[in-house]
Amino acid sequence: MAEIINLRQARKKAARSEKEKQAEQNRLTFGRTKAEKTLTRALNEKAEKALDQGKLERPDSPRK
């Protein structure tokens, strides 16, 4: 014989489970510490600065 369940409670339990899965995914995607964000920002700025230093600037000369 099948177990009798309350459908309202079963729906709420399923919804909570789905929200928890979404929360876990969001923690993996967006969850970075302030130190990690600062480090990434510093590395990006350093790489951009190194790239800018390697650029050659040409004097403006009219093309013929």
PDB file of N, CA and C in Angstrom:
ATOM      1  N   MET A   1       0.838  -1.162   0.000  1.00  0.00           N
ATOM      2  CA  MET A   1       0.000   0.000   0.000  1.00  0.00           C
ATOM      3  C   MET A   1       0.897   1.244   0.000  1.00  0.00           C
ATOM      4  N   ALA A   2       0.530   2.246  -0.755  1.00  0.00           N
ATOM      5  CA  ALA A   2       1.312   3.467  -0.897  1.00  0.00           C
ATOM      6  C   ALA A   2       1.190   4.344   0.345  1.00  0.00           C
ATOM      7  N   GLU A   3       2.249   5.095   0.586  1.00  0.00           N
ATOM      8  CA  GLU A   3       2.247   6.001   1.731  1.00  0.00           C
ATOM      9  C   GLU A   3       1.447   7.258   1.389  1.00  0.00           C
ATOM     10  N   ILE A   4       0.648   7.722   2.297  1.00  0.00           N
ATOM     11  CA  ILE A   4      -0.161   8.913   2.093  1.00  0.00           C
ATOM     12  C   ILE A   4       0.700  10.134   2.414  1.00  0.00           C
ATOM     13  N   ILE A   5       0.698  11.091   1.474  1.00  0.00           N
ATOM     14  CA  ILE A   5       1.484  12.305   1.676  1.00  0.00           C
ATOM     15  C   ILE A   5       0.599  13.530   1.496  1.00  0.00           C
ATOM     16  N   ASN A   6       1.014  14.611   2.094  1.00  0.00           N
ATOM     17  CA  ASN A   6       0.316  15.872   1.945  1.00  0.00           C
ATOM     18  C   ASN A   6       0.921  16.560   0.713  1.00  0.00           C
ATOM     19  N   LEU A   7       0.118  16.814  -0.318  1.00  0.00           N
ATOM     20  CA  LEU A   7       0.621  17.372  -1.567  1.00  0.00           C
ATOM     21  C   LEU A   7       1.176  18.781  -1.381  1.00  0.00           C
ATOM     22  N   ARG A   8       0.561  19.569  -0.511  1.00  0.00           N
ATOM     23  CA  ARG A   8       1.035  20.929  -0.270  1.00  0.00           C
ATOM     24  C   ARG A   8       2.452  20.885   0.299  1.00  0.00           C
ATOM     25  N   GLN A   9       2.664  20.015   1.270  1.00  0.00           N
ATOM     26  CA  GLN A   9       3.998  19.889   1.869  1.00  0.00           C
ATOM     27  C   GLN A   9       5.008  19.343   0.858  1.00  0.00           C
ATOM     28  N   ALA A  10       4.574  18.429   0.017  1.00  0.00           N
ATOM     29  CA  ALA A  10       5.472  17.855  -0.988  1.00  0.00           C
ATOM     30  C   ALA A  10       5.888  18.921  -2.000  1.00  0.00           C
ATOM     31  N   ARG A  11       4.940  19.776  -2.412  1.00  0.00           N
ATOM     32  CA  ARG A  11       5.266  20.856  -3.350  1.00  0.00           C
ATOM     33  C   ARG A  11       6.236  21.849  -2.711  1.00  0.00           C
ATOM     34  N   LYS A  12       6.001  22.193  -1.450  1.00  0.00           N
ATOM     35  CA  LYS A  12       6.896  23.127  -0.764  1.00  0.00           C
ATOM     36  C   LYS A  12       8.296  22.534  -0.619  1.00  0.00           C
ATOM     37  N   LYS A  13       8.364  21.256  -0.319  1.00  0.00           N
ATOM     38  CA  LYS A  13       9.657  20.591  -0.170  1.00  0.00           C
ATOM     39  C   LYS A  13      10.405  20.590  -1.506  1.00  0.00           C
ATOM     40  N   ALA A  14       9.689  20.329  -2.598  1.00  0.00           N
ATOM     41  CA  ALA A  14      10.311  20.332  -3.921  1.00  0.00           C
ATOM     42  C   ALA A  14      10.784  21.738  -4.287  1.00  0.00           C
ATOM     43  N   ALA A  15       9.988  22.763  -3.954  1.00  0.00           N
ATOM     44  CA  ALA A  15      10.361  24.143  -4.256  1.00  0.00           C
ATOM     45  C   ALA A  15      11.597  24.544  -3.454  1.00  0.00           C
ATOM     46  N   ARG A  16      11.649  24.163  -2.179  1.00  0.00           N
ATOM     47  CA  ARG A  16      12.825  24.474  -1.358  1.00  0.00           C
ATOM     48  C   ARG A  16      14.070  23.794  -1.921  1.00  0.00           C
ATOM     49  N   SER A  17      13.907  22.566  -2.354  1.00  0.00           N
ATOM     50  CA  SER A  17      15.029  21.834  -2.923  1.00  0.00           C
ATOM     51  C   SER A  17      15.541  22.527  -4.189  1.00  0.00           C
ATOM     52  N   GLU A  18      14.632  22.971  -5.028  1.00  0.00           N
ATOM     53  CA  GLU A  18      15.007  23.662  -6.266  1.00  0.00           C
ATOM     54  C   GLU A  18      15.700  24.989  -5.952  1.00  0.00           C
ATOM     55  N   LYS A  19      15.185  25.729  -4.985  1.00  0.00           N
ATOM     56  CA  LYS A  19      15.813  26.992  -4.605  1.00  0.00           C
ATOM     57  C   LYS A  19      17.211  26.759  -4.046  1.00  0.00           C
ATOM     58  N   GLU A  20      17.398  25.698  -3.296  1.00  0.00           N
ATOM     59  CA  GLU A  20      18.708  25.384  -2.734  1.00  0.00           C
ATOM     60  C   GLU A  20      19.700  25.043  -3.849  1.00  0.00           C
ATOM     61  N   LYS A  21      19.244  24.325  -4.876  1.00  0.00           N
ATOM     62  CA  LYS A  21      20.117  24.022  -6.015  1.00  0.00           C
ATOM     63  C   LYS A  21      20.528  25.310  -6.721  1.00  0.00           C
ATOM     64  N   GLN A  22      19.577  26.226  -6.905  1.00  0.00           N
ATOM     65  CA  GLN A  22      19.875  27.508  -7.551  1.00  0.00           C
ATOM     66  C   GLN A  22      20.838  28.332  -6.697  1.00  0.00           C
ATOM     67  N   ALA A  23      20.634  28.322  -5.387  1.00  0.00           N
ATOM     68  CA  ALA A  23      21.512  29.059  -4.481  1.00  0.00           C
ATOM     69  C   ALA A  23      22.936  28.512  -4.539  1.00  0.00           C
ATOM     70  N   GLU A  24      23.077  27.219  -4.593  1.00  0.00           N
ATOM     71  CA  GLU A  24      24.405  26.605  -4.694  1.00  0.00           C
ATOM     72  C   GLU A  24      25.089  27.020  -5.988  1.00  0.00           C
ATOM     73  N   GLN A  25      24.346  27.035  -7.082  1.00  0.00           N
ATOM     74  CA  GLN A  25      24.905  27.453  -8.366  1.00  0.00           C
ATOM     75  C   GLN A  25      25.330  28.919  -8.307  1.00  0.00           C
ATOM     76  N   ASN A  26      24.515  29.762  -7.688  1.00  0.00           N
ATOM     77  CA  ASN A  26      24.859  31.180  -7.555  1.00  0.00           C
ATOM     78  C   ASN A  26      26.095  31.373  -6.685  1.00  0.00           C
ATOM     79  N   ARG A  27      26.238  30.579  -5.637  1.00  0.00           N
ATOM     80  CA  ARG A  27      27.424  30.678  -4.790  1.00  0.00           C
ATOM     81  C   ARG A  27      28.678  30.338  -5.588  1.00  0.00           C
ATOM     82  N   LEU A  28      28.579  29.353  -6.459  1.00  0.00           N
ATOM     83  CA  LEU A  28      29.731  28.983  -7.276  1.00  0.00           C
ATOM     84  C   LEU A  28      30.034  30.057  -8.313  1.00  0.00           C
ATOM     85  N   THR A  29      28.989  30.652  -8.878  1.00  0.00           N
ATOM     86  CA  THR A  29      29.175  31.628  -9.945  1.00  0.00           C
ATOM     87  C   THR A  29      29.616  32.984  -9.418  1.00  0.00           C
ATOM     88  N   PHE A  30      28.939  33.484  -8.400  1.00  0.00           N
ATOM     89  CA  PHE A  30      29.161  34.851  -7.949  1.00  0.00           C
ATOM     90  C   PHE A  30      29.888  34.955  -6.623  1.00  0.00           C
ATOM     91  N   GLY A  31      30.029  33.881  -5.907  1.00  0.00           N
ATOM     92  CA  GLY A  31      30.579  33.942  -4.558  1.00  0.00           C
ATOM     93  C   GLY A  31      32.088  34.020  -4.530  1.00  0.00           C
ATOM     94  N   ARG A  32      32.611  35.229  -4.533  1.00  0.00           N
ATOM     95  CA  ARG A  32      34.044  35.427  -4.409  1.00  0.00           C
ATOM     96  C   ARG A  32      34.291  36.369  -3.241  1.00  0.00           C
ATOM     97  N   THR A  33      35.371  36.131  -2.550  1.00  0.00           N
ATOM     98  CA  THR A  33      35.690  36.978  -1.415  1.00  0.00           C
ATOM     99  C   THR A  33      36.213  38.321  -1.918  1.00  0.00           C
ATOM    100  N   LYS A  34      36.245  39.291  -1.023  1.00  0.00           N
ATOM    101  CA  LYS A  34      36.741  40.619  -1.372  1.00  0.00           C
ATOM    102  C   LYS A  34      38.208  40.535  -1.791  1.00  0.00           C
ATOM    103  N   ALA A  35      38.967  39.693  -1.121  1.00  0.00           N
ATOM    104  CA  ALA A  35      40.388  39.534  -1.454  1.00  0.00           C
ATOM    105  C   ALA A  35      40.556  38.981  -2.872  1.00  0.00           C
ATOM    106  N   GLU A  36      39.734  38.037  -3.252  1.00  0.00           N
ATOM    107  CA  GLU A  36      39.810  37.476  -4.604  1.00  0.00           C
ATOM    108  C   GLU A  36      39.458  38.527  -5.647  1.00  0.00           C
ATOM    109  N   LYS A  37      38.433  39.331  -5.364  1.00  0.00           N
ATOM    110  CA  LYS A  37      38.039  40.388  -6.295  1.00  0.00           C
ATOM    111  C   LYS A  37      39.151  41.416  -6.437  1.00  0.00           C
ATOM    112  N   THR A  38      39.775  41.794  -5.310  1.00  0.00           N
ATOM    113  CA  THR A  38      40.860  42.772  -5.332  1.00  0.00           C
ATOM    114  C   THR A  38      42.053  42.233  -6.111  1.00  0.00           C
ATOM    115  N   LEU A  39      42.393  40.980  -5.888  1.00  0.00           N
ATOM    116  CA  LEU A  39      43.506  40.361  -6.600  1.00  0.00           C
ATOM    117  C   LEU A  39      43.245  40.335  -8.102  1.00  0.00           C
ATOM    118  N   THR A  40      42.061  39.949  -8.496  1.00  0.00           N
ATOM    119  CA  THR A  40      41.717  39.900  -9.916  1.00  0.00           C
ATOM    120  C   THR A  40      41.795  41.284 -10.540  1.00  0.00           C
ATOM    121  N   ARG A  41      41.270  42.282  -9.830  1.00  0.00           N
ATOM    122  CA  ARG A  41      41.300  43.653 -10.330  1.00  0.00           C
ATOM    123  C   ARG A  41      42.748  44.122 -10.490  1.00  0.00           C
ATOM    124  N   ALA A  42      43.599  43.829  -9.506  1.00  0.00           N
ATOM    125  CA  ALA A  42      45.007  44.243  -9.562  1.00  0.00           C
ATOM    126  C   ALA A  42      45.738  43.558 -10.718  1.00  0.00           C
ATOM    127  N   LEU A  43      45.478  42.286 -10.918  1.00  0.00           N
ATOM    128  CA  LEU A  43      46.127  41.564 -12.024  1.00  0.00           C
ATOM    129  C   LEU A  43      45.675  42.109 -13.373  1.00  0.00           C
ATOM    130  N   ASN A  44      44.392  42.438 -13.489  1.00  0.00           N
ATOM    131  CA  ASN A  44      43.887  43.001 -14.745  1.00  0.00           C
ATOM    132  C   ASN A  44      44.510  44.365 -15.026  1.00  0.00           C
ATOM    133  N   GLU A  45      44.628  45.204 -13.988  1.00  0.00           N
ATOM    134  CA  GLU A  45      45.238  46.519 -14.166  1.00  0.00           C
ATOM    135  C   GLU A  45      46.701  46.394 -14.547  1.00  0.00           C
ATOM    136  N   LYS A  46      47.398  45.444 -13.941  1.00  0.00           N
ATOM    137  CA  LYS A  46      48.820  45.235 -14.253  1.00  0.00           C
ATOM    138  C   LYS A  46      48.985  44.780 -15.709  1.00  0.00           C
ATOM    139  N   ALA A  47      48.134  43.873 -16.141  1.00  0.00           N
ATOM    140  CA  ALA A  47      48.213  43.383 -17.519  1.00  0.00           C
ATOM    141  C   ALA A  47      47.884  44.500 -18.503  1.00  0.00           C
ATOM    142  N   GLU A  48      46.905  45.323 -18.171  1.00  0.00           N
ATOM    143  CA  GLU A  48      46.534  46.436 -19.055  1.00  0.00           C
ATOM    144  C   GLU A  48      47.672  47.454 -19.143  1.00  0.00           C
ATOM    145  N   LYS A  49      48.310  47.724 -18.010  1.00  0.00           N
ATOM    146  CA  LYS A  49      49.427  48.668 -17.981  1.00  0.00           C
ATOM    147  C   LYS A  49      50.591  48.139 -18.820  1.00  0.00           C
ATOM    148  N   ALA A  50      50.888  46.854 -18.708  1.00  0.00           N
ATOM    149  CA  ALA A  50      51.975  46.257 -19.482  1.00  0.00           C
ATOM    150  C   ALA A  50      51.664  46.301 -20.977  1.00  0.00           C
ATOM    151  N   LEU A  51      50.418  46.114 -21.320  1.00  0.00           N
ATOM    152  CA  LEU A  51      50.014  46.166 -22.721  1.00  0.00           C
ATOM    153  C   LEU A  51      50.153  47.582 -23.257  1.00  0.00           C
ATOM    154  N   ASP A  52      49.737  48.572 -22.465  1.00  0.00           N
ATOM    155  CA  ASP A  52      49.832  49.965 -22.890  1.00  0.00           C
ATOM    156  C   ASP A  52      51.292  50.399 -23.047  1.00  0.00           C
ATOM    157  N   GLN A  53      52.183  49.871 -22.224  1.00  0.00           N
ATOM    158  CA  GLN A  53      53.591  50.246 -22.309  1.00  0.00           C
ATOM    159  C   GLN A  53      54.218  49.741 -23.601  1.00  0.00           C
ATOM    160  N   GLY A  54      53.678  48.698 -24.165  1.00  0.00           N
ATOM    161  CA  GLY A  54      54.243  48.131 -25.377  1.00  0.00           C
ATOM    162  C   GLY A  54      53.737  48.774 -26.655  1.00  0.00           C
ATOM    163  N   LYS A  55      52.784  49.687 -26.535  1.00  0.00           N
ATOM    164  CA  LYS A  55      52.231  50.326 -27.733  1.00  0.00           C
ATOM    165  C   LYS A  55      53.221  51.332 -28.309  1.00  0.00           C
ATOM    166  N   LEU A  56      53.246  51.401 -29.614  1.00  0.00           N
ATOM    167  CA  LEU A  56      54.075  52.379 -30.309  1.00  0.00           C
ATOM    168  C   LEU A  56      53.184  53.554 -30.683  1.00  0.00           C
ATOM    169  N   GLU A  57      53.648  54.741 -30.351  1.00  0.00           N
ATOM    170  CA  GLU A  57      52.894  55.932 -30.733  1.00  0.00           C
ATOM    171  C   GLU A  57      53.559  56.536 -31.949  1.00  0.00           C
ATOM    172  N   ARG A  58      52.773  56.812 -32.940  1.00  0.00           N
ATOM    173  CA  ARG A  58      53.292  57.401 -34.172  1.00  0.00           C
ATOM    174  C   ARG A  58      52.880  58.863 -34.210  1.00  0.00           C
ATOM    175  N   PRO A  59      53.786  59.702 -34.691  1.00  0.00           N
ATOM    176  CA  PRO A  59      53.389  61.114 -34.841  1.00  0.00           C
ATOM    177  C   PRO A  59      52.325  61.211 -35.917  1.00  0.00           C
ATOM    178  N   ASP A  60      51.439  62.170 -35.730  1.00  0.00           N
ATOM    179  CA  ASP A  60      50.377  62.357 -36.721  1.00  0.00           C
ATOM    180  C   ASP A  60      51.000  62.919 -37.985  1.00  0.00           C
ATOM    181  N   SER A  61      50.937  62.154 -39.030  1.00  0.00           N
ATOM    182  CA  SER A  61      51.466  62.632 -40.318  1.00  0.00           C
ATOM    183  C   SER A  61      50.377  62.423 -41.362  1.00  0.00           C
ATOM    184  N   PRO A  62      50.222  63.394 -42.218  1.00  0.00           N
ATOM    185  CA  PRO A  62      49.180  63.257 -43.245  1.00  0.00           C
ATOM    186  C   PRO A  62      49.550  62.163 -44.241  1.00  0.00           C
ATOM    187  N   ARG A  63      48.569  61.421 -44.610  1.00  0.00           N
ATOM    188  CA  ARG A  63      48.787  60.340 -45.580  1.00  0.00           C
ATOM    189  C   ARG A  63      48.720  60.908 -46.985  1.00  0.00           C
ATOM    190  N   LYS A  64      49.472  60.314 -47.835  1.00  0.00           N
ATOM    191  CA  LYS A  64      49.490  60.761 -49.240  1.00  0.00           C
ATOM    192  C   LYS A  64      48.662  59.866 -50.099  1.00  0.00           C
TER     193      LYS A  64
END
